Amino acid sequence: MANIIRHQGIVENINGSHLQVRVVQTSACASCSVKGHCSSADTKEKLIDITDADAASYQPGDSVWVIGELSMGAMAVLYAFIFPFLVLIVSLFLFMVIWNDELRSALCSLALLIPYYYILWLNKSRLGKKFSFSIQPMNS
């Protein structure tokens, strides 16, 4: 039980075995009593696509749990933040050794992030299989 992440969601749309679930993400301070006077409180709605063999047992408007593994969160942080940071830092030092020009080195290091994120975008279907969610009814 400690290796999963659960969010409450509402089924929005069902198409065959695919469900679209709306999840409301709130920041830690969104439940604070003074959030109306603070600019840091925020909430975001996300639509998550889930493939489930029992999709026919759900109806739009049903409250459900969206479940993901904790390791998916760590993997997402690696791909979105850690790896690009490493690419940026390593390439910056390499370009500085080669050219000894800070501006050109910094611009080329930043430019290397474009193919990195493009490669991630090209592999989105493969990554979608790694980052898959499951669903459970609220009453179980």
N, C-alpha and C. Protein backbone atom coordinates (compact mmCIF):
# COMPACT_ATOMS: atom_id res chain seq x y z
N MET A 1 0.82 -1.19 0.00
CA MET A 1 0.00 0.00 0.00
C MET A 1 0.86 1.25 0.00
N ALA A 2 2.06 1.20 0.52
CA ALA A 2 2.91 2.37 0.60
C ALA A 2 3.54 2.73 -0.75
N ASN A 3 3.50 1.84 -1.73
CA ASN A 3 4.12 2.08 -3.02
C ASN A 3 3.17 2.59 -4.08
N ILE A 4 2.00 3.08 -3.67
CA ILE A 4 1.03 3.58 -4.65
C ILE A 4 0.65 5.02 -4.33
N ILE A 5 0.21 5.71 -5.37
CA ILE A 5 -0.31 7.06 -5.26
C ILE A 5 -1.77 7.00 -5.67
N ARG A 6 -2.66 7.54 -4.85
CA ARG A 6 -4.09 7.52 -5.17
C ARG A 6 -4.62 8.94 -5.21
N HIS A 7 -5.41 9.21 -6.25
CA HIS A 7 -6.09 10.50 -6.38
C HIS A 7 -7.56 10.24 -6.65
N GLN A 8 -8.41 11.08 -6.09
CA GLN A 8 -9.82 10.99 -6.40
C GLN A 8 -10.06 11.58 -7.78
N GLY A 9 -10.95 10.93 -8.51
CA GLY A 9 -11.27 11.41 -9.84
C GLY A 9 -12.72 11.17 -10.18
N ILE A 10 -13.16 11.78 -11.26
CA ILE A 10 -14.53 11.61 -11.75
C ILE A 10 -14.44 11.20 -13.21
N VAL A 11 -15.13 10.13 -13.56
CA VAL A 11 -15.14 9.64 -14.94
C VAL A 11 -15.83 10.67 -15.82
N GLU A 12 -15.15 11.11 -16.83
CA GLU A 12 -15.70 12.11 -17.75
C GLU A 12 -16.26 11.48 -19.02
N ASN A 13 -15.52 10.52 -19.58
CA ASN A 13 -15.88 9.98 -20.88
C ASN A 13 -15.44 8.52 -20.95
N ILE A 14 -16.21 7.70 -21.63
CA ILE A 14 -15.87 6.29 -21.82
C ILE A 14 -15.97 5.98 -23.30
N ASN A 15 -14.90 5.38 -23.86
CA ASN A 15 -14.89 5.00 -25.26
C ASN A 15 -14.26 3.62 -25.36
N GLY A 16 -15.09 2.58 -25.39
CA GLY A 16 -14.58 1.21 -25.42
C GLY A 16 -13.93 0.88 -24.10
N SER A 17 -12.64 0.54 -24.15
CA SER A 17 -11.92 0.21 -22.92
C SER A 17 -11.12 1.41 -22.41
N HIS A 18 -11.30 2.57 -23.02
CA HIS A 18 -10.58 3.78 -22.61
C HIS A 18 -11.50 4.69 -21.81
N LEU A 19 -11.00 5.13 -20.68
CA LEU A 19 -11.73 6.07 -19.84
C LEU A 19 -10.95 7.37 -19.75
N GLN A 20 -11.67 8.45 -19.65
CA GLN A 20 -11.06 9.74 -19.38
C GLN A 20 -11.55 10.16 -18.01
N VAL A 21 -10.60 10.38 -17.09
CA VAL A 21 -10.93 10.69 -15.71
C VAL A 21 -10.39 12.08 -15.38
N ARG A 22 -11.24 12.91 -14.78
CA ARG A 22 -10.83 14.24 -14.35
C ARG A 22 -10.35 14.17 -12.91
N VAL A 23 -9.13 14.63 -12.69
CA VAL A 23 -8.52 14.63 -11.36
C VAL A 23 -8.22 16.08 -11.01
N VAL A 24 -8.60 16.49 -9.81
CA VAL A 24 -8.31 17.84 -9.34
C VAL A 24 -7.07 17.77 -8.46
N GLN A 25 -6.00 18.42 -8.91
CA GLN A 25 -4.77 18.48 -8.14
C GLN A 25 -4.79 19.77 -7.34
N THR A 26 -4.51 19.65 -6.06
CA THR A 26 -4.46 20.84 -5.21
C THR A 26 -3.09 20.92 -4.57
N SER A 27 -2.65 22.12 -4.34
CA SER A 27 -1.39 22.30 -3.64
C SER A 27 -1.63 22.05 -2.16
N ALA A 28 -0.56 21.96 -1.40
CA ALA A 28 -0.67 21.68 0.02
C ALA A 28 -1.43 22.77 0.76
N CYS A 29 -1.37 23.98 0.26
CA CYS A 29 -2.03 25.08 0.98
C CYS A 29 -3.43 25.36 0.46
N ALA A 30 -3.94 24.56 -0.47
CA ALA A 30 -5.25 24.83 -1.04
C ALA A 30 -6.36 24.64 -0.02
N SER A 31 -6.12 23.86 1.03
CA SER A 31 -7.14 23.64 2.04
C SER A 31 -6.99 24.61 3.21
N CYS A 32 -6.07 25.54 3.12
CA CYS A 32 -5.82 26.51 4.19
C CYS A 32 -6.97 27.49 4.29
N SER A 33 -7.27 27.95 5.50
CA SER A 33 -8.41 28.86 5.70
C SER A 33 -8.15 30.26 5.15
N VAL A 34 -6.92 30.63 4.93
CA VAL A 34 -6.61 31.97 4.40
C VAL A 34 -6.16 31.93 2.94
N LYS A 35 -6.50 30.87 2.24
CA LYS A 35 -6.02 30.74 0.86
C LYS A 35 -6.58 31.82 -0.06
N GLY A 36 -7.72 32.40 0.28
CA GLY A 36 -8.29 33.46 -0.53
C GLY A 36 -7.46 34.74 -0.50
N HIS A 37 -6.64 34.89 0.52
CA HIS A 37 -5.81 36.08 0.66
C HIS A 37 -4.36 35.81 0.28
N CYS A 38 -4.10 34.65 -0.24
CA CYS A 38 -2.72 34.24 -0.55
C CYS A 38 -2.63 33.93 -2.04
N SER A 39 -1.55 34.30 -2.66
CA SER A 39 -1.40 34.05 -4.09
C SER A 39 -0.77 32.70 -4.40
N SER A 40 -0.32 31.95 -3.39
CA SER A 40 0.36 30.69 -3.67
C SER A 40 -0.57 29.50 -3.71
N ALA A 41 -1.81 29.64 -3.29
CA ALA A 41 -2.75 28.52 -3.32
C ALA A 41 -3.24 28.31 -4.75
N ASP A 42 -3.18 27.08 -5.22
CA ASP A 42 -3.63 26.80 -6.57
C ASP A 42 -4.22 25.41 -6.67
N THR A 43 -5.12 25.26 -7.63
CA THR A 43 -5.68 23.95 -7.96
C THR A 43 -5.65 23.83 -9.48
N LYS A 44 -5.47 22.61 -9.95
CA LYS A 44 -5.43 22.34 -11.38
C LYS A 44 -6.25 21.10 -11.66
N GLU A 45 -6.99 21.13 -12.75
CA GLU A 45 -7.72 19.95 -13.19
C GLU A 45 -6.94 19.29 -14.31
N LYS A 46 -6.82 17.98 -14.24
CA LYS A 46 -6.12 17.20 -15.26
C LYS A 46 -7.04 16.11 -15.76
N LEU A 47 -6.96 15.84 -17.05
CA LEU A 47 -7.67 14.71 -17.64
C LEU A 47 -6.65 13.60 -17.87
N ILE A 48 -6.93 12.43 -17.33
CA ILE A 48 -6.03 11.29 -17.44
C ILE A 48 -6.73 10.21 -18.25
N ASP A 49 -6.03 9.69 -19.25
CA ASP A 49 -6.55 8.59 -20.06
C ASP A 49 -6.12 7.28 -19.42
N ILE A 50 -7.08 6.40 -19.21
CA ILE A 50 -6.83 5.12 -18.57
C ILE A 50 -7.44 4.02 -19.43
N THR A 51 -6.69 2.96 -19.64
CA THR A 51 -7.20 1.79 -20.34
C THR A 51 -7.54 0.73 -19.31
N ASP A 52 -8.79 0.27 -19.32
CA ASP A 52 -9.25 -0.71 -18.35
C ASP A 52 -10.20 -1.68 -19.05
N ALA A 53 -10.00 -2.96 -18.82
CA ALA A 53 -10.85 -3.97 -19.44
C ALA A 53 -12.29 -3.88 -18.92
N ASP A 54 -12.46 -3.39 -17.70
CA ASP A 54 -13.80 -3.26 -17.10
C ASP A 54 -14.37 -1.86 -17.26
N ALA A 55 -14.02 -1.18 -18.33
CA ALA A 55 -14.48 0.19 -18.52
C ALA A 55 -16.00 0.27 -18.63
N ALA A 56 -16.63 -0.78 -19.12
CA ALA A 56 -18.08 -0.77 -19.28
C ALA A 56 -18.81 -0.73 -17.95
N SER A 57 -18.13 -1.09 -16.86
CA SER A 57 -18.78 -1.08 -15.54
C SER A 57 -18.85 0.31 -14.94
N TYR A 58 -18.24 1.31 -15.58
CA TYR A 58 -18.26 2.68 -15.09
C TYR A 58 -19.20 3.53 -15.92
N GLN A 59 -19.70 4.58 -15.32
CA GLN A 59 -20.56 5.54 -15.99
C GLN A 59 -19.95 6.94 -15.86
N PRO A 60 -20.16 7.81 -16.82
CA PRO A 60 -19.69 9.19 -16.64
C PRO A 60 -20.29 9.80 -15.37
N GLY A 61 -19.46 10.45 -14.60
CA GLY A 61 -19.88 11.03 -13.33
C GLY A 61 -19.55 10.18 -12.12
N ASP A 62 -19.13 8.93 -12.34
CA ASP A 62 -18.76 8.06 -11.21
C ASP A 62 -17.49 8.57 -10.53
N SER A 63 -17.47 8.51 -9.22
CA SER A 63 -16.27 8.84 -8.46
C SER A 63 -15.38 7.62 -8.38
N VAL A 64 -14.10 7.80 -8.70
CA VAL A 64 -13.17 6.66 -8.74
C VAL A 64 -11.84 7.07 -8.12
N TRP A 65 -11.03 6.07 -7.83
CA TRP A 65 -9.64 6.28 -7.43
C TRP A 65 -8.76 6.05 -8.64
N VAL A 66 -7.89 6.98 -8.95
CA VAL A 66 -6.87 6.81 -9.98
C VAL A 66 -5.60 6.41 -9.26
N ILE A 67 -5.04 5.27 -9.64
CA ILE A 67 -3.92 4.69 -8.90
C ILE A 67 -2.70 4.57 -9.79
N GLY A 68 -1.58 5.01 -9.27
CA GLY A 68 -0.31 4.89 -9.96
C GLY A 68 0.75 4.43 -8.98
N GLU A 69 1.82 3.89 -9.51
CA GLU A 69 2.92 3.45 -8.66
C GLU A 69 3.80 4.62 -8.29
N LEU A 70 4.34 4.59 -7.10
CA LEU A 70 5.22 5.64 -6.63
C LEU A 70 6.47 5.76 -7.50
N SER A 71 6.93 4.64 -8.04
CA SER A 71 8.12 4.66 -8.89
C SER A 71 7.89 5.46 -10.17
N MET A 72 6.63 5.58 -10.62
CA MET A 72 6.34 6.38 -11.81
C MET A 72 6.66 7.85 -11.55
N GLY A 73 6.39 8.33 -10.35
CA GLY A 73 6.69 9.72 -10.01
C GLY A 73 8.18 9.99 -10.04
N ALA A 74 8.95 9.06 -9.49
CA ALA A 74 10.41 9.22 -9.49
C ALA A 74 10.96 9.17 -10.91
N MET A 75 10.42 8.29 -11.72
CA MET A 75 10.86 8.18 -13.12
C MET A 75 10.52 9.45 -13.90
N ALA A 76 9.34 10.01 -13.64
CA ALA A 76 8.95 11.25 -14.32
C ALA A 76 9.88 12.40 -13.95
N VAL A 77 10.26 12.49 -12.68
CA VAL A 77 11.19 13.54 -12.25
C VAL A 77 12.54 13.35 -12.92
N LEU A 78 12.99 12.11 -13.06
CA LEU A 78 14.26 11.85 -13.74
C LEU A 78 14.22 12.34 -15.19
N TYR A 79 13.19 11.94 -15.92
CA TYR A 79 13.10 12.30 -17.34
C TYR A 79 12.86 13.80 -17.55
N ALA A 80 12.07 14.42 -16.69
CA ALA A 80 11.69 15.81 -16.91
C ALA A 80 12.68 16.82 -16.34
N PHE A 81 13.41 16.45 -15.27
CA PHE A 81 14.25 17.44 -14.62
C PHE A 81 15.71 17.02 -14.45
N ILE A 82 15.95 15.83 -13.95
CA ILE A 82 17.33 15.42 -13.62
C ILE A 82 18.16 15.20 -14.88
N PHE A 83 17.68 14.38 -15.83
CA PHE A 83 18.44 14.13 -17.05
C PHE A 83 18.70 15.41 -17.85
N PRO A 84 17.70 16.29 -18.05
CA PRO A 84 18.00 17.53 -18.77
C PRO A 84 19.01 18.41 -18.03
N PHE A 85 18.93 18.42 -16.70
CA PHE A 85 19.89 19.18 -15.92
C PHE A 85 21.30 18.64 -16.13
N LEU A 86 21.44 17.32 -16.14
CA LEU A 86 22.75 16.71 -16.37
C LEU A 86 23.27 17.02 -17.77
N VAL A 87 22.39 16.94 -18.77
CA VAL A 87 22.78 17.28 -20.14
C VAL A 87 23.27 18.73 -20.19
N LEU A 88 22.54 19.61 -19.53
CA LEU A 88 22.90 21.02 -19.53
C LEU A 88 24.25 21.26 -18.87
N ILE A 89 24.48 20.70 -17.72
CA ILE A 89 25.72 20.95 -16.97
C ILE A 89 26.92 20.31 -17.66
N VAL A 90 26.79 19.05 -18.05
CA VAL A 90 27.92 18.36 -18.69
C VAL A 90 28.29 19.03 -20.01
N SER A 91 27.27 19.36 -20.82
CA SER A 91 27.58 20.00 -22.10
C SER A 91 28.15 21.40 -21.90
N LEU A 92 27.71 22.11 -20.88
CA LEU A 92 28.26 23.44 -20.61
C LEU A 92 29.76 23.35 -20.32
N PHE A 93 30.14 22.41 -19.47
CA PHE A 93 31.57 22.27 -19.16
C PHE A 93 32.37 21.80 -20.37
N LEU A 94 31.80 20.89 -21.16
CA LEU A 94 32.51 20.43 -22.36
C LEU A 94 32.69 21.56 -23.37
N PHE A 95 31.64 22.33 -23.61
CA PHE A 95 31.76 23.44 -24.55
C PHE A 95 32.70 24.52 -24.03
N MET A 96 32.74 24.72 -22.72
CA MET A 96 33.69 25.70 -22.16
C MET A 96 35.13 25.26 -22.38
N VAL A 97 35.39 23.95 -22.27
CA VAL A 97 36.74 23.44 -22.52
C VAL A 97 37.11 23.60 -23.99
N ILE A 98 36.14 23.34 -24.87
CA ILE A 98 36.41 23.41 -26.30
C ILE A 98 36.59 24.84 -26.78
N TRP A 99 35.65 25.75 -26.43
CA TRP A 99 35.65 27.10 -26.98
C TRP A 99 36.18 28.18 -26.05
N ASN A 100 36.09 27.98 -24.77
CA ASN A 100 36.46 28.99 -23.78
C ASN A 100 35.67 30.29 -24.00
N ASP A 101 34.41 30.13 -24.37
CA ASP A 101 33.51 31.26 -24.60
C ASP A 101 32.20 30.96 -23.85
N GLU A 102 31.92 31.73 -22.81
CA GLU A 102 30.77 31.45 -21.95
C GLU A 102 29.44 31.58 -22.68
N LEU A 103 29.27 32.64 -23.45
CA LEU A 103 28.00 32.87 -24.11
C LEU A 103 27.68 31.76 -25.12
N ARG A 104 28.62 31.47 -25.99
CA ARG A 104 28.40 30.42 -26.99
C ARG A 104 28.20 29.06 -26.32
N SER A 105 28.96 28.78 -25.28
CA SER A 105 28.81 27.51 -24.55
C SER A 105 27.43 27.39 -23.92
N ALA A 106 26.98 28.47 -23.29
CA ALA A 106 25.66 28.45 -22.64
C ALA A 106 24.55 28.28 -23.68
N LEU A 107 24.63 28.99 -24.79
CA LEU A 107 23.60 28.88 -25.82
C LEU A 107 23.56 27.50 -26.44
N CYS A 108 24.73 26.92 -26.69
CA CYS A 108 24.76 25.57 -27.26
C CYS A 108 24.27 24.53 -26.26
N SER A 109 24.57 24.72 -24.98
CA SER A 109 24.07 23.81 -23.96
C SER A 109 22.56 23.87 -23.87
N LEU A 110 22.02 25.07 -23.91
CA LEU A 110 20.56 25.21 -23.90
C LEU A 110 19.95 24.61 -25.17
N ALA A 111 20.62 24.78 -26.29
CA ALA A 111 20.10 24.24 -27.56
C ALA A 111 20.05 22.72 -27.54
N LEU A 112 20.93 22.09 -26.75
CA LEU A 112 20.90 20.63 -26.68
C LEU A 112 19.64 20.10 -25.99
N LEU A 113 18.95 20.95 -25.25
CA LEU A 113 17.70 20.51 -24.62
C LEU A 113 16.58 20.33 -25.65
N ILE A 114 16.68 21.03 -26.77
CA ILE A 114 15.65 20.89 -27.82
C ILE A 114 15.61 19.47 -28.36
N PRO A 115 16.74 18.87 -28.79
CA PRO A 115 16.64 17.48 -29.24
C PRO A 115 16.30 16.51 -28.11
N TYR A 116 16.71 16.83 -26.89
CA TYR A 116 16.37 15.94 -25.76
C TYR A 116 14.86 15.83 -25.61
N TYR A 117 14.19 16.98 -25.54
CA TYR A 117 12.73 16.95 -25.36
C TYR A 117 12.02 16.47 -26.62
N TYR A 118 12.61 16.68 -27.78
CA TYR A 118 12.04 16.15 -29.02
C TYR A 118 12.09 14.62 -29.03
N ILE A 119 13.20 14.07 -28.56
CA ILE A 119 13.31 12.61 -28.45
C ILE A 119 12.29 12.06 -27.46
N LEU A 120 12.09 12.75 -26.35
CA LEU A 120 11.05 12.34 -25.41
C LEU A 120 9.68 12.37 -26.08
N TRP A 121 9.41 13.42 -26.84
CA TRP A 121 8.13 13.53 -27.52
C TRP A 121 7.94 12.40 -28.54
N LEU A 122 9.02 12.05 -29.26
CA LEU A 122 8.93 10.95 -30.22
C LEU A 122 8.64 9.62 -29.54
N ASN A 123 9.07 9.46 -28.31
CA ASN A 123 8.88 8.22 -27.57
C ASN A 123 7.70 8.27 -26.61
N LYS A 124 6.75 9.17 -26.85
CA LYS A 124 5.65 9.32 -25.91
C LYS A 124 4.77 8.07 -25.83
N SER A 125 4.63 7.31 -26.90
CA SER A 125 3.82 6.10 -26.81
C SER A 125 4.53 5.04 -25.96
N ARG A 126 5.83 4.93 -26.09
CA ARG A 126 6.60 4.00 -25.27
C ARG A 126 6.59 4.43 -23.80
N LEU A 127 6.72 5.72 -23.58
CA LEU A 127 6.67 6.23 -22.21
C LEU A 127 5.27 6.10 -21.63
N GLY A 128 4.25 6.22 -22.47
CA GLY A 128 2.87 6.04 -22.01
C GLY A 128 2.61 4.67 -21.46
N LYS A 129 3.32 3.67 -21.97
CA LYS A 129 3.19 2.31 -21.44
C LYS A 129 3.85 2.19 -20.07
N LYS A 130 4.94 2.91 -19.86
CA LYS A 130 5.61 2.90 -18.56
C LYS A 130 4.81 3.67 -17.52
N PHE A 131 4.18 4.75 -17.95
CA PHE A 131 3.43 5.61 -17.04
C PHE A 131 1.94 5.35 -17.19
N SER A 132 1.51 4.16 -16.84
CA SER A 132 0.10 3.83 -16.97
C SER A 132 -0.57 3.80 -15.60
N PHE A 133 -1.81 4.24 -15.57
CA PHE A 133 -2.58 4.31 -14.34
C PHE A 133 -3.66 3.24 -14.37
N SER A 134 -4.11 2.87 -13.19
CA SER A 134 -5.25 1.96 -13.08
C SER A 134 -6.36 2.70 -12.34
N ILE A 135 -7.52 2.07 -12.26
CA ILE A 135 -8.69 2.74 -11.71
C ILE A 135 -9.43 1.77 -10.80
N GLN A 136 -10.00 2.30 -9.74
CA GLN A 136 -10.84 1.52 -8.83
C GLN A 136 -12.06 2.34 -8.47
N PRO A 137 -13.19 1.68 -8.27
CA PRO A 137 -14.36 2.44 -7.82
C PRO A 137 -14.12 2.99 -6.41
N MET A 138 -14.76 4.07 -6.08
CA MET A 138 -14.56 4.73 -4.78
C MET A 138 -15.01 3.86 -3.61
N ASN A 139 -16.00 3.01 -3.81
CA ASN A 139 -16.55 2.24 -2.70
C ASN A 139 -15.74 1.01 -2.32
N SER A 140 -14.61 0.73 -3.02
CA SER A 140 -13.84 -0.46 -2.65
C SER A 140 -12.55 -0.08 -1.98
